Amino acid sequence: MSTRIRIADKMSPGHRKILTVTLNPAIDVTYRVAGLAVGETVRVANVRSRAGGKGVNVAAVARHLGSDSLVLALTGRTEPDEFRAGLDRLGLPHHLVPALDAVRRTVAVVEDDGVTTSLQERGPAVAAGIRDEVMAAFRAELVAGVGAVVVAGSVPPGLGDETPARLAVLCAEAGIPVVADVSGAALRAVAKTPSVLVPNLEELSELAGKRLHDPGEVVAAGRQLVRDGAAAVVATLGEEGVIAVTAGHEFGVRPVERVIGNPTGAGDAAAAALARHLAAAGAVSEVDWPAALADVVATSAAAVLRPVAGEVDLEARAGWLGALAVKETA
């Protein structure tokens, strides 16, 4: 039996705040190298380390673009807490649930030509009862008042792949738009909720049960997901841009130019841009989709120009925003 949440007045100052959920946080390490040669010694020209995980990157980009954001995440049980300290250094407000023996590390090896190799630890399992703590913390933040929610990234062992779907249902009951940027079993579960899904081509193909090859197949898969209950589908296609399907409309937008850099945080930047439009509109049905999708593509490309995930090149983004053409295909 569900309990309906009584949220703060939508006219309160915090009603446009973006809440991001990171169930499997990380310390993100980025190595810059001239080239990666497997089996050989590679000299690292530059290294950056920061608190990460997809939801953290979304929150960082949202704040970089001028929105208030709050990170809800799991963290380690022991002190010193490197993840908490990293969030503090980034200036990101947070609500943390101590649950992990250690916060995992991810490594992005970025070559001078832009080729990126990612090494991602799975992360430690969580103890029984942690999901109840996460749900309680999430309800508390919804009650405090948020404009949109982004649930992003993987789910640690022991928490349950259905957890993002449970969070999305709470958002639906509270009338708060939610972006779900998850994969695998978690994506299959959340796809049945009224969330805005942001799958890449591989993830959308998995949901469709077959390999998708062309825009028409992407649109058809998006239509089916919307018929099955998703609020909207924004398929991120890398250099091909995005294709979005909403109730009754389909849109496509391609980047103005090819961008070379670190693509690690491009998807997170896209989710942040989308969440800002959802928070401003208050509902999926009220979103100015052409403006939102142009922002998604421009912000995603601008993230590629930055050396680490969670940052965007604001000057490049501003230039692309005015040059992108969004086409309605329906």
Protein backbone atom coordinates (compact mmCIF):
# COMPACT_ATOMS: atom_id res chain seq x y z
CA MET A 1 0.00 0.00 0.00
CA SER A 2 1.52 3.33 -1.04
CA THR A 3 1.53 6.45 1.07
CA ARG A 4 0.90 9.70 -0.71
CA ILE A 5 3.51 12.34 0.00
CA ARG A 6 2.53 15.86 0.94
CA ILE A 7 5.17 18.07 -0.64
CA ALA A 8 6.09 21.67 -0.01
CA ASP A 9 4.16 24.46 -1.72
CA LYS A 10 5.13 24.58 -5.42
CA MET A 11 5.51 28.35 -5.11
CA SER A 12 8.20 28.04 -2.44
CA PRO A 13 11.76 29.16 -3.34
CA GLY A 14 13.02 25.57 -3.54
CA HIS A 15 10.42 24.30 -5.99
CA ARG A 16 12.91 24.31 -8.89
CA LYS A 17 15.68 22.56 -6.99
CA ILE A 18 16.99 19.41 -8.67
CA LEU A 19 17.43 16.35 -6.48
CA THR A 20 19.84 13.76 -7.84
CA VAL A 21 20.07 10.20 -6.54
CA THR A 22 23.37 8.30 -6.68
CA LEU A 23 22.98 4.78 -5.32
CA ASN A 24 26.45 3.61 -6.35
CA PRO A 25 28.78 6.58 -5.78
CA ALA A 26 32.39 6.71 -6.89
CA ILE A 27 35.64 8.54 -6.65
CA ASP A 28 36.20 9.44 -10.31
CA VAL A 29 39.83 9.48 -11.45
CA THR A 30 40.72 10.90 -14.87
CA TYR A 31 44.11 10.19 -16.46
CA ARG A 32 45.28 12.22 -19.46
CA VAL A 33 47.79 10.33 -21.61
CA ALA A 34 49.35 10.81 -25.03
CA GLY A 35 48.21 7.34 -26.01
CA LEU A 36 47.18 4.10 -24.33
CA ALA A 37 49.28 1.06 -25.20
CA VAL A 38 48.06 -2.17 -23.62
CA GLY A 39 50.87 -4.16 -22.03
CA GLU A 40 53.28 -1.22 -21.91
CA THR A 41 54.17 1.46 -19.36
CA VAL A 42 52.12 4.60 -20.01
CA ARG A 43 53.12 7.97 -18.60
CA VAL A 44 50.22 9.97 -17.15
CA ALA A 45 50.49 13.63 -18.10
CA ASN A 46 47.74 14.81 -15.79
CA VAL A 47 45.45 13.28 -13.16
CA ARG A 48 42.22 14.61 -11.66
CA SER A 49 40.24 13.02 -8.83
CA ARG A 50 36.84 14.06 -7.51
CA ALA A 51 33.65 12.78 -5.94
CA GLY A 52 31.57 11.21 -8.68
CA GLY A 53 28.90 8.86 -9.82
CA LYS A 54 26.34 9.86 -12.44
CA GLY A 55 23.99 11.65 -10.05
CA VAL A 56 26.83 13.70 -8.61
CA ASN A 57 27.89 14.76 -12.09
CA VAL A 58 24.29 15.75 -12.90
CA ALA A 59 24.10 17.88 -9.75
CA ALA A 60 27.43 19.53 -10.51
CA VAL A 61 26.38 20.45 -14.05
CA ALA A 62 23.00 21.74 -12.87
CA ARG A 63 24.71 24.05 -10.38
CA HIS A 64 27.22 25.12 -13.03
CA LEU A 65 24.25 26.17 -15.17
CA GLY A 66 22.68 28.15 -12.32
CA SER A 67 20.23 25.72 -10.70
CA ASP A 68 20.06 24.66 -7.08
CA SER A 69 20.78 20.97 -6.68
CA LEU A 70 21.06 18.43 -3.89
CA VAL A 71 22.88 15.09 -3.93
CA LEU A 72 21.21 12.14 -2.21
CA ALA A 73 23.72 9.30 -2.15
CA LEU A 74 25.12 6.36 -0.28
CA THR A 75 28.57 6.79 1.23
CA GLY A 76 31.14 4.90 3.29
CA ARG A 77 30.65 3.99 6.94
CA THR A 78 34.16 4.92 8.06
CA GLU A 79 36.03 8.16 8.59
CA PRO A 80 37.64 10.01 6.99
CA ASP A 81 34.92 9.96 4.33
CA GLU A 82 36.66 10.81 1.06
CA PHE A 83 33.37 10.96 -0.85
CA ARG A 84 31.73 13.38 1.58
CA ALA A 85 34.83 15.56 1.58
CA GLY A 86 34.81 15.54 -2.22
CA LEU A 87 31.22 16.77 -2.34
CA ASP A 88 32.13 19.54 0.07
CA ARG A 89 35.03 20.60 -2.16
CA LEU A 90 32.66 20.73 -5.13
CA GLY A 91 30.25 22.88 -3.12
CA LEU A 92 27.40 20.41 -3.58
CA PRO A 93 24.79 20.20 -0.79
CA HIS A 94 24.15 16.59 0.11
CA HIS A 95 22.08 14.11 2.10
CA LEU A 96 24.22 10.99 2.59
CA VAL A 97 23.28 7.54 3.85
CA PRO A 98 26.29 5.68 5.35
CA ALA A 99 26.01 2.20 3.85
CA LEU A 100 29.23 1.11 2.13
CA ASP A 101 32.42 -0.52 3.33
CA ALA A 102 34.20 1.72 0.83
CA VAL A 103 33.26 3.98 -2.08
CA ARG A 104 34.36 2.46 -5.37
CA ARG A 105 36.72 4.12 -7.84
CA THR A 106 36.31 4.63 -11.55
CA VAL A 107 39.16 5.50 -13.90
CA ALA A 108 38.81 7.28 -17.25
CA VAL A 109 41.95 7.17 -19.40
CA VAL A 110 41.68 9.96 -21.96
CA GLU A 111 44.10 9.99 -24.89
CA ASP A 112 45.15 13.14 -26.75
CA ASP A 113 42.96 12.19 -29.73
CA GLY A 114 39.89 11.96 -27.48
CA VAL A 115 39.67 8.16 -27.28
CA THR A 116 38.57 7.30 -23.75
CA THR A 117 38.88 4.00 -21.91
CA SER A 118 36.81 3.60 -18.73
CA LEU A 119 37.57 1.19 -15.88
CA GLN A 120 34.67 0.89 -13.45
CA GLU A 121 34.61 -1.04 -10.22
CA ARG A 122 31.31 -2.71 -9.44
CA GLY A 123 31.17 -1.39 -5.88
CA PRO A 124 30.59 -3.19 -2.56
CA ALA A 125 27.32 -4.77 -1.51
CA VAL A 126 25.02 -3.00 0.95
CA ALA A 127 23.56 -4.51 4.07
CA ALA A 128 19.92 -5.46 4.53
CA GLY A 129 17.75 -2.54 5.56
CA ILE A 130 19.67 0.12 3.63
CA ARG A 131 16.92 0.45 1.04
CA ASP A 132 14.48 1.45 3.78
CA GLU A 133 16.93 4.16 4.87
CA VAL A 134 17.28 5.37 1.27
CA MET A 135 13.51 5.51 0.80
CA ALA A 136 13.08 7.43 4.06
CA ALA A 137 15.76 9.94 3.09
CA PHE A 138 14.19 10.33 -0.35
CA ARG A 139 10.71 10.94 1.07
CA ALA A 140 12.15 13.58 3.40
CA GLU A 141 13.67 15.50 0.49
CA LEU A 142 10.47 15.31 -1.56
CA VAL A 143 8.55 16.70 1.39
CA ALA A 144 11.06 19.54 1.70
CA GLY A 145 10.33 20.47 -1.90
CA VAL A 146 12.08 19.78 -5.21
CA GLY A 147 11.26 20.66 -8.79
CA ALA A 148 12.64 17.56 -10.50
CA VAL A 149 14.48 14.36 -9.65
CA VAL A 150 17.23 12.53 -11.51
CA VAL A 151 17.93 8.92 -10.57
CA ALA A 152 21.18 8.02 -12.28
CA GLY A 153 23.79 5.31 -12.40
CA SER A 154 24.10 1.72 -11.32
CA VAL A 155 22.60 -0.02 -8.29
CA PRO A 156 25.01 -1.62 -5.81
CA PRO A 157 24.64 -5.32 -4.99
CA GLY A 158 22.10 -5.95 -2.25
CA LEU A 159 20.00 -2.83 -2.80
CA GLY A 160 17.67 -4.31 -5.41
CA ASP A 161 17.35 -3.44 -9.10
CA GLU A 162 13.77 -2.30 -8.53
CA THR A 163 14.88 0.55 -6.23
CA PRO A 164 14.98 3.25 -8.96
CA ALA A 165 11.46 2.24 -10.00
CA ARG A 166 10.26 2.56 -6.41
CA LEU A 167 11.75 6.05 -6.23
CA ALA A 168 10.11 6.98 -9.53
CA VAL A 169 6.71 5.83 -8.26
CA LEU A 170 7.08 8.09 -5.22
CA CYS A 171 7.83 11.00 -7.57
CA ALA A 172 4.75 10.23 -9.64
CA GLU A 173 2.57 10.15 -6.55
CA ALA A 174 3.97 13.52 -5.50
CA GLY A 175 3.55 15.05 -8.96
CA ILE A 176 7.29 15.60 -9.41
CA PRO A 177 8.87 14.88 -12.82
CA VAL A 178 11.69 12.34 -12.72
CA VAL A 179 14.50 11.48 -15.13
CA ALA A 180 15.73 7.89 -14.99
CA ASP A 181 19.24 7.33 -16.33
CA VAL A 182 19.87 3.72 -15.36
CA SER A 183 20.60 0.50 -17.22
CA GLY A 184 20.05 -3.25 -17.24
CA ALA A 185 17.45 -4.73 -14.93
CA ALA A 186 16.96 -1.35 -13.21
CA LEU A 187 16.07 0.25 -16.56
CA ARG A 188 13.64 -2.52 -17.43
CA ALA A 189 11.86 -1.97 -14.10
CA VAL A 190 11.78 1.83 -14.22
CA ALA A 191 10.58 1.81 -17.85
CA LYS A 192 7.17 0.74 -16.55
CA THR A 193 6.86 3.92 -14.44
CA PRO A 194 5.92 7.45 -15.62
CA SER A 195 9.57 8.53 -15.84
CA VAL A 196 11.46 10.37 -18.55
CA LEU A 197 13.88 7.72 -19.82
CA VAL A 198 17.26 8.72 -21.29
CA PRO A 199 18.69 5.50 -22.74
CA ASN A 200 21.56 5.33 -25.19
CA LEU A 201 21.16 3.26 -28.35
CA GLU A 202 22.40 0.05 -26.73
CA GLU A 203 20.08 0.43 -23.74
CA LEU A 204 17.09 1.27 -25.94
CA SER A 205 17.86 -1.76 -28.11
CA GLU A 206 17.85 -3.94 -25.01
CA LEU A 207 14.44 -2.58 -23.99
CA ALA A 208 13.11 -3.14 -27.51
CA GLY A 209 14.43 -6.71 -27.60
CA LYS A 210 16.35 -6.17 -30.85
CA ARG A 211 19.20 -4.15 -32.27
CA LEU A 212 17.98 -0.76 -33.49
CA HIS A 213 19.69 0.60 -36.59
CA ASP A 214 17.92 3.71 -37.88
CA PRO A 215 15.91 6.70 -36.58
CA GLY A 216 12.62 5.11 -37.56
CA GLU A 217 13.33 2.11 -35.35
CA VAL A 218 14.38 4.39 -32.49
CA VAL A 219 11.11 6.33 -32.76
CA ALA A 220 9.07 3.13 -32.88
CA ALA A 221 10.80 1.81 -29.76
CA GLY A 222 10.19 5.11 -27.98
CA ARG A 223 6.51 5.07 -28.92
CA GLN A 224 6.12 1.61 -27.47
CA LEU A 225 7.75 2.62 -24.19
CA VAL A 226 5.45 5.65 -23.91
CA ARG A 227 2.45 3.42 -24.61
CA ASP A 228 3.68 1.09 -21.87
CA GLY A 229 3.78 3.92 -19.31
CA ALA A 230 6.94 6.02 -19.68
CA ALA A 231 6.33 9.78 -19.58
CA ALA A 232 8.79 10.37 -22.42
CA VAL A 233 11.89 8.84 -24.00
CA VAL A 234 14.96 10.90 -24.89
CA ALA A 235 17.34 8.57 -26.72
CA THR A 236 20.93 9.84 -26.65
CA LEU A 237 22.78 8.83 -29.80
CA GLY A 238 26.23 10.36 -29.34
CA GLU A 239 27.42 12.17 -32.45
CA GLU A 240 23.96 11.63 -34.00
CA GLY A 241 22.31 13.81 -31.36
CA VAL A 242 19.02 12.83 -29.71
CA ILE A 243 15.62 11.53 -30.71
CA ALA A 244 12.78 12.20 -28.29
CA VAL A 245 9.31 10.68 -28.11
CA THR A 246 6.61 12.19 -25.93
CA ALA A 247 2.87 11.63 -25.80
CA GLY A 248 1.90 12.54 -29.36
CA HIS A 249 5.17 14.07 -30.56
CA GLU A 250 8.58 13.01 -31.89
CA PHE A 251 11.59 15.26 -32.21
CA GLY A 252 15.12 14.97 -33.54
CA VAL A 253 18.15 17.22 -33.16
CA ARG A 254 21.74 16.74 -34.32
CA PRO A 255 24.88 18.49 -33.06
CA VAL A 256 26.20 21.41 -35.10
CA GLU A 257 29.69 19.92 -35.27
CA ARG A 258 31.78 16.95 -34.16
CA VAL A 259 33.39 17.52 -30.78
CA ILE A 260 36.61 15.85 -29.64
CA GLY A 261 37.38 15.46 -25.94
CA ASN A 262 36.32 13.42 -22.92
CA PRO A 263 32.79 12.01 -23.44
CA THR A 264 32.58 10.44 -19.98
CA GLY A 265 30.17 13.00 -18.53
CA ALA A 266 28.22 13.87 -21.67
CA GLY A 267 25.19 11.80 -20.71
CA ASP A 268 25.14 13.27 -17.21
CA ALA A 269 25.24 16.80 -18.66
CA ALA A 270 22.31 15.89 -20.92
CA ALA A 271 20.31 14.67 -17.92
CA ALA A 272 21.09 17.88 -16.02
CA ALA A 273 19.90 20.08 -18.88
CA LEU A 274 16.71 18.04 -19.22
CA ALA A 275 16.03 18.15 -15.48
CA ARG A 276 16.33 21.94 -15.44
CA HIS A 277 13.58 22.23 -18.07
CA LEU A 278 11.39 19.74 -16.23
CA ALA A 279 11.82 21.65 -12.97
CA ALA A 280 10.99 24.95 -14.67
CA ALA A 281 7.90 23.52 -16.38
CA GLY A 282 6.65 21.55 -13.38
CA ALA A 283 5.34 18.68 -15.49
CA VAL A 284 6.43 16.67 -18.52
CA SER A 285 3.38 17.84 -20.46
CA GLU A 286 4.33 21.50 -19.97
CA VAL A 287 7.93 21.26 -21.22
CA ASP A 288 9.00 23.30 -24.25
CA TRP A 289 10.53 20.24 -25.89
CA PRO A 290 12.37 21.93 -28.78
CA ALA A 291 14.12 24.27 -26.33
CA ALA A 292 14.82 21.44 -23.90
CA LEU A 293 16.30 19.15 -26.56
CA ALA A 294 18.49 21.88 -28.01
CA ASP A 295 19.79 22.44 -24.48
CA VAL A 296 20.35 18.69 -24.01
CA VAL A 297 22.52 18.46 -27.13
CA ALA A 298 24.41 21.72 -26.56
CA THR A 299 25.12 20.97 -22.90
CA SER A 300 26.16 17.40 -23.65
CA ALA A 301 28.61 18.52 -26.34
CA ALA A 302 29.95 21.28 -24.08
CA ALA A 303 30.71 18.66 -21.43
CA VAL A 304 32.93 16.76 -23.87
CA LEU A 305 35.20 19.81 -24.08
CA ARG A 306 35.93 19.74 -20.35
CA PRO A 307 38.64 17.47 -18.89
CA VAL A 308 36.45 15.79 -16.26
CA ALA A 309 32.82 14.75 -15.91
CA GLY A 310 30.54 17.21 -14.11
CA GLU A 311 31.77 20.31 -15.95
CA VAL A 312 30.68 22.11 -19.14
CA ASP A 313 32.21 24.73 -21.42
CA LEU A 314 29.66 27.52 -20.95
CA GLU A 315 30.89 29.61 -23.88
CA ALA A 316 30.63 26.72 -26.34
CA ARG A 317 27.22 25.76 -24.97
CA ALA A 318 25.89 29.29 -25.47
CA GLY A 319 27.10 29.35 -29.07
CA TRP A 320 25.55 25.99 -29.93
CA LEU A 321 22.21 26.79 -28.29
CA GLY A 322 21.50 29.43 -30.90
CA ALA A 323 22.56 27.25 -33.83
CA LEU A 324 20.77 23.96 -33.19
CA ALA A 325 17.68 23.11 -35.22
CA VAL A 326 15.12 20.79 -33.61
CA LYS A 327 12.83 19.03 -36.06
CA GLU A 328 9.45 17.56 -35.17
CA THR A 329 9.10 14.32 -37.08
CA ALA A 330 5.49 13.42 -36.27
